Amino acid sequence: MAKKFYGKQFAISENITIGLKRFFKKIDPAAREKASIAWGLQLINNTVLGQGGDDSRPPKKTGRLRGSGTVFVGSKKVGDTTFQGKDGTPAQSYTEQNENITTVGFNTPYAAKMHEELQPAGSLQPHADIAASKGKFLENHLKADRKDLLQLYKDIYKKNSGL
């Protein structure tokens, strides 16, 4: 039985505003990929470590959830969070046709439930460190860190595209 990868997708695309359409037609694919990798990895690291603009993080009882985080740019795996839990099993593949999509997520059967409700699937008892953890850990970081993440994207893109 295949596990469901619970991921959030984020795209920096041509339809942000009409004024940016000309810019995106000239975008450097290699610079875009480096920038997408950098901000995806920054988002997942902020999330599992509870750093950045928010202290939300997934609970850690065994480390399986924190160690299952994965970042994909398009369908290419660019990083994971195995450093956070030896029992974590990050997703090894993800199908995304659009190479402009960065997907950040966790690969456990209960990741979505923990994210939404911060309660283990099939249990009424919370994890031991539930008080130190918060639900919506990925969303909270995306909201709290968005300006820094966009600035990181911009800086990496400019550096690698020669702008």
Protein backbone atom coordinates (compact mmCIF):
# COMPACT_ATOMS: atom_id res chain seq x y z
CA MET A 1 0.00 0.00 0.00
CA ALA A 2 1.48 3.33 -1.04
CA LYS A 3 1.76 6.10 1.51
CA LYS A 4 0.16 9.44 0.74
CA PHE A 5 2.58 12.33 0.58
CA TYR A 6 1.04 15.30 2.35
CA GLY A 7 2.54 18.31 0.66
CA LYS A 8 1.82 21.96 0.08
CA GLN A 9 2.47 23.29 -3.40
CA PHE A 10 3.68 26.77 -4.08
CA ALA A 11 4.27 28.37 -7.44
CA ILE A 12 5.88 31.56 -8.55
CA SER A 13 4.23 31.87 -11.91
CA GLU A 14 3.27 34.17 -14.75
CA ASN A 15 -0.12 35.01 -13.34
CA ILE A 16 1.04 36.99 -10.31
CA THR A 17 0.34 40.27 -12.13
CA ILE A 18 0.11 41.39 -15.73
CA GLY A 19 3.17 43.61 -15.21
CA LEU A 20 5.35 40.58 -14.43
CA LYS A 21 4.42 38.56 -17.52
CA ARG A 22 7.25 40.01 -19.61
CA PHE A 23 9.74 39.29 -16.83
CA PHE A 24 8.69 35.65 -16.52
CA LYS A 25 8.98 35.08 -20.27
CA LYS A 26 12.68 35.91 -19.89
CA ILE A 27 13.24 33.90 -16.75
CA ASP A 28 16.48 31.91 -16.49
CA PRO A 29 15.48 28.27 -15.76
CA ALA A 30 18.72 27.40 -13.93
CA ALA A 31 18.50 30.48 -11.71
CA ARG A 32 14.80 29.79 -11.04
CA GLU A 33 15.59 26.22 -10.01
CA LYS A 34 18.36 27.33 -7.61
CA ALA A 35 16.07 29.95 -6.08
CA SER A 36 13.20 27.46 -5.75
CA ILE A 37 15.48 24.92 -4.08
CA ALA A 38 16.81 27.51 -1.63
CA TRP A 39 13.45 28.78 -0.46
CA GLY A 40 11.89 25.30 -0.32
CA LEU A 41 14.72 24.05 1.89
CA GLN A 42 14.52 27.17 4.05
CA LEU A 43 10.77 26.67 4.53
CA ILE A 44 11.09 23.01 5.56
CA ASN A 45 14.01 23.75 7.89
CA ASN A 46 12.15 26.64 9.54
CA THR A 47 9.16 24.34 9.95
CA VAL A 48 10.89 21.33 11.55
CA LEU A 49 13.15 23.48 13.75
CA GLY A 50 10.47 26.00 14.79
CA GLN A 51 12.61 28.91 13.58
CA GLY A 52 11.95 31.95 11.42
CA GLY A 53 8.94 34.15 12.08
CA ASP A 54 6.93 31.47 13.89
CA ASP A 55 7.79 28.81 16.46
CA SER A 56 5.33 26.22 15.07
CA ARG A 57 6.79 22.80 14.45
CA PRO A 58 5.57 19.24 14.10
CA PRO A 59 5.47 17.27 17.36
CA LYS A 60 8.33 14.91 18.04
CA LYS A 61 7.65 11.69 19.85
CA THR A 62 9.68 9.29 17.73
CA GLY A 63 10.98 11.76 15.13
CA ARG A 64 9.21 9.92 12.32
CA LEU A 65 7.05 12.92 11.27
CA ARG A 66 9.83 15.51 11.50
CA GLY A 67 12.20 13.16 9.69
CA SER A 68 9.79 12.57 6.79
CA GLY A 69 9.85 16.10 5.35
CA THR A 70 10.72 16.41 1.66
CA VAL A 71 11.15 19.24 -0.84
CA PHE A 72 10.54 18.80 -4.57
CA VAL A 73 10.99 21.29 -7.37
CA GLY A 74 8.82 19.92 -10.15
CA SER A 75 9.33 16.17 -9.80
CA LYS A 76 12.94 16.48 -8.65
CA LYS A 77 13.68 15.72 -5.00
CA VAL A 78 15.99 18.46 -3.73
CA GLY A 79 16.14 17.79 0.01
CA ASP A 80 14.68 16.14 3.07
CA THR A 81 14.66 16.29 6.86
CA THR A 82 16.15 12.91 7.76
CA PHE A 83 18.51 14.81 10.08
CA GLN A 84 15.47 15.33 12.34
CA GLY A 85 14.53 11.69 12.83
CA LYS A 86 16.23 8.42 12.00
CA ASP A 87 12.86 6.68 11.58
CA GLY A 88 11.59 9.28 9.12
CA THR A 89 10.92 8.13 5.58
CA PRO A 90 10.90 11.11 3.22
CA ALA A 91 9.10 10.72 -0.09
CA GLN A 92 11.48 9.54 -2.81
CA SER A 93 9.33 10.55 -5.74
CA TYR A 94 6.54 12.96 -6.52
CA THR A 95 4.86 13.59 -9.85
CA GLU A 96 4.53 17.22 -10.85
CA GLN A 97 4.45 18.22 -14.51
CA ASN A 98 5.12 21.91 -13.85
CA GLU A 99 8.80 22.48 -13.07
CA ASN A 100 7.89 25.88 -11.58
CA ILE A 101 6.08 24.23 -8.67
CA THR A 102 7.89 23.78 -5.36
CA THR A 103 6.28 21.17 -3.13
CA VAL A 104 7.09 20.94 0.58
CA GLY A 105 5.52 18.19 2.66
CA PHE A 106 5.71 15.30 5.07
CA ASN A 107 5.47 11.59 4.22
CA THR A 108 3.66 9.83 7.04
CA PRO A 109 0.12 8.43 7.02
CA TYR A 110 -0.82 10.81 9.85
CA ALA A 111 0.93 13.99 8.63
CA ALA A 112 -2.27 15.69 7.45
CA LYS A 113 -4.13 14.88 10.67
CA MET A 114 -1.26 16.16 12.82
CA HIS A 115 -1.04 19.30 10.71
CA GLU A 116 -4.76 20.02 10.92
CA GLU A 117 -5.55 18.81 14.44
CA LEU A 118 -2.19 18.17 16.14
CA GLN A 119 -3.44 14.83 17.45
CA PRO A 120 -2.13 11.39 16.53
CA ALA A 121 -4.33 9.39 14.18
CA GLY A 122 -6.42 6.77 15.99
CA SER A 123 -5.61 8.10 19.45
CA LEU A 124 -7.20 10.40 21.96
CA GLN A 125 -3.90 10.91 23.77
CA PRO A 126 -1.66 13.70 22.46
CA HIS A 127 2.06 13.24 21.83
CA ALA A 128 4.37 13.87 24.77
CA ASP A 129 5.58 17.24 23.49
CA ILE A 130 2.21 18.45 22.24
CA ALA A 131 2.43 21.56 24.42
CA ALA A 132 5.63 22.60 22.65
CA SER A 133 4.15 21.98 19.19
CA LYS A 134 1.47 23.69 17.15
CA GLY A 135 -0.85 22.59 14.39
CA LYS A 136 -0.71 24.22 10.96
CA PHE A 137 3.08 24.12 11.28
CA LEU A 138 3.74 24.35 7.54
CA GLU A 139 1.09 26.99 6.87
CA ASN A 140 2.16 29.11 9.84
CA HIS A 141 5.72 29.26 8.55
CA LEU A 142 4.67 30.03 5.01
CA LYS A 143 2.61 32.97 6.29
CA ALA A 144 5.10 34.21 8.89
CA ASP A 145 8.19 33.78 6.72
CA ARG A 146 6.76 34.76 3.33
CA LYS A 147 8.62 38.06 3.03
CA ASP A 148 11.93 36.47 3.99
CA LEU A 149 11.32 33.51 1.68
CA LEU A 150 10.46 35.78 -1.26
CA GLN A 151 13.53 37.90 -0.53
CA LEU A 152 15.67 34.75 -0.46
CA TYR A 153 14.17 33.67 -3.80
CA LYS A 154 14.85 37.11 -5.27
CA ASP A 155 18.43 37.24 -3.99
CA ILE A 156 19.34 33.74 -5.21
CA TYR A 157 17.67 34.34 -8.57
CA LYS A 158 19.48 37.66 -9.08
CA LYS A 159 22.83 36.19 -8.10
CA ASN A 160 22.50 33.25 -10.49
CA SER A 161 20.90 35.05 -13.44
CA GLY A 162 23.28 38.01 -13.64
CA LEU A 163 20.55 40.60 -13.06
